[in-house]
Amino acid sequence: MPLDERYEHVDAFWKRWQERQTFLDAYADRSSGVPELDNRP
């Protein structure tokens, strides 16, 4: 699998996880160190 396809796969996986309420609830304290989780509205 070419590298760009791998990144597309990882990006899609990451987007799915960010939509899961249980995943977001686990990082509700906003101190994960991951800007996409800590800075969400």
N, C-alpha and C. Protein backbone atom coordinates (compact mmCIF):
# COMPACT_ATOMS: atom_id res chain seq x y z
N MET A 1 0.85 -1.18 0.00
CA MET A 1 0.00 0.00 0.00
C MET A 1 0.90 1.24 0.00
N PRO A 2 0.70 2.15 -0.94
CA PRO A 2 1.50 3.37 -0.98
C PRO A 2 1.28 4.23 0.27
N LEU A 3 2.27 5.03 0.58
CA LEU A 3 2.24 5.82 1.80
C LEU A 3 1.05 6.77 1.86
N ASP A 4 0.71 7.42 0.74
CA ASP A 4 -0.42 8.35 0.78
C ASP A 4 -1.73 7.64 1.07
N GLU A 5 -1.88 6.40 0.60
CA GLU A 5 -3.08 5.63 0.91
C GLU A 5 -3.12 5.26 2.38
N ARG A 6 -1.97 4.98 2.97
CA ARG A 6 -1.92 4.68 4.40
C ARG A 6 -2.38 5.88 5.21
N TYR A 7 -1.90 7.07 4.84
CA TYR A 7 -2.31 8.26 5.58
C TYR A 7 -3.80 8.53 5.42
N GLU A 8 -4.34 8.28 4.24
CA GLU A 8 -5.78 8.45 4.04
C GLU A 8 -6.55 7.48 4.93
N HIS A 9 -6.04 6.27 5.05
CA HIS A 9 -6.69 5.26 5.90
C HIS A 9 -6.63 5.70 7.37
N VAL A 10 -5.48 6.17 7.81
CA VAL A 10 -5.32 6.62 9.20
C VAL A 10 -6.20 7.83 9.46
N ASP A 11 -6.28 8.75 8.51
CA ASP A 11 -7.11 9.94 8.66
C ASP A 11 -8.58 9.56 8.79
N ALA A 12 -9.03 8.63 7.99
CA ALA A 12 -10.42 8.18 8.07
C ALA A 12 -10.69 7.51 9.41
N PHE A 13 -9.76 6.72 9.87
CA PHE A 13 -9.88 6.05 11.17
C PHE A 13 -9.97 7.09 12.29
N TRP A 14 -9.10 8.08 12.26
CA TRP A 14 -9.08 9.13 13.27
C TRP A 14 -10.39 9.93 13.27
N LYS A 15 -10.92 10.24 12.10
CA LYS A 15 -12.18 10.97 12.02
C LYS A 15 -13.33 10.16 12.62
N ARG A 16 -13.34 8.85 12.36
CA ARG A 16 -14.38 8.01 12.94
C ARG A 16 -14.30 8.01 14.47
N TRP A 17 -13.10 7.92 15.01
CA TRP A 17 -12.94 7.92 16.47
C TRP A 17 -13.39 9.24 17.07
N GLN A 18 -13.12 10.37 16.41
CA GLN A 18 -13.51 11.66 16.93
C GLN A 18 -15.02 11.86 16.94
N GLU A 19 -15.74 11.04 16.20
CA GLU A 19 -17.20 11.12 16.18
C GLU A 19 -17.85 10.26 17.26
N ARG A 20 -17.07 9.39 17.89
CA ARG A 20 -17.63 8.50 18.90
C ARG A 20 -17.74 9.22 20.24
N GLN A 21 -18.94 9.30 20.77
CA GLN A 21 -19.16 10.01 22.02
C GLN A 21 -18.39 9.38 23.19
N THR A 22 -18.29 8.07 23.20
CA THR A 22 -17.55 7.42 24.29
C THR A 22 -16.07 7.79 24.25
N PHE A 23 -15.52 7.95 23.07
CA PHE A 23 -14.13 8.37 22.92
C PHE A 23 -13.96 9.80 23.42
N LEU A 24 -14.88 10.68 23.02
CA LEU A 24 -14.81 12.08 23.44
C LEU A 24 -15.01 12.20 24.95
N ASP A 25 -15.89 11.41 25.52
CA ASP A 25 -16.12 11.44 26.96
C ASP A 25 -14.87 11.04 27.74
N ALA A 26 -14.10 10.14 27.18
CA ALA A 26 -12.88 9.69 27.85
C ALA A 26 -11.85 10.81 27.96
N TYR A 27 -11.94 11.80 27.08
CA TYR A 27 -11.00 12.92 27.09
C TYR A 27 -11.70 14.24 27.42
N ALA A 28 -12.75 14.16 28.21
CA ALA A 28 -13.55 15.34 28.53
C ALA A 28 -12.78 16.36 29.37
N ASP A 29 -11.72 15.94 30.05
CA ASP A 29 -10.96 16.88 30.88
C ASP A 29 -10.05 17.79 30.05
N ARG A 30 -9.94 17.53 28.76
CA ARG A 30 -9.17 18.35 27.81
C ARG A 30 -7.68 18.44 28.18
N SER A 31 -7.14 17.37 28.69
CA SER A 31 -5.71 17.36 29.01
C SER A 31 -5.02 16.16 28.37
N SER A 32 -5.48 15.78 27.20
CA SER A 32 -4.92 14.62 26.51
C SER A 32 -3.58 14.93 25.85
N GLY A 33 -3.35 16.21 25.54
CA GLY A 33 -2.16 16.58 24.80
C GLY A 33 -2.36 16.52 23.30
N VAL A 34 -3.55 16.16 22.86
CA VAL A 34 -3.90 16.10 21.44
C VAL A 34 -4.77 17.30 21.12
N PRO A 35 -4.24 18.27 20.38
CA PRO A 35 -4.99 19.51 20.13
C PRO A 35 -6.39 19.29 19.56
N GLU A 36 -6.55 18.31 18.68
CA GLU A 36 -7.88 18.06 18.09
C GLU A 36 -8.91 17.69 19.14
N LEU A 37 -8.46 17.07 20.22
CA LEU A 37 -9.39 16.70 21.30
C LEU A 37 -9.52 17.81 22.34
N ASP A 38 -8.40 18.41 22.70
CA ASP A 38 -8.41 19.41 23.77
C ASP A 38 -9.03 20.73 23.34
N ASN A 39 -9.00 21.08 22.07
CA ASN A 39 -9.48 22.37 21.62
C ASN A 39 -10.82 22.29 20.89
N ARG A 40 -11.51 21.19 21.03
CA ARG A 40 -12.79 21.08 20.33
C ARG A 40 -13.84 21.95 21.03
N PRO A 41 -14.83 22.41 20.27
CA PRO A 41 -15.86 23.31 20.87
C PRO A 41 -16.72 22.60 21.89
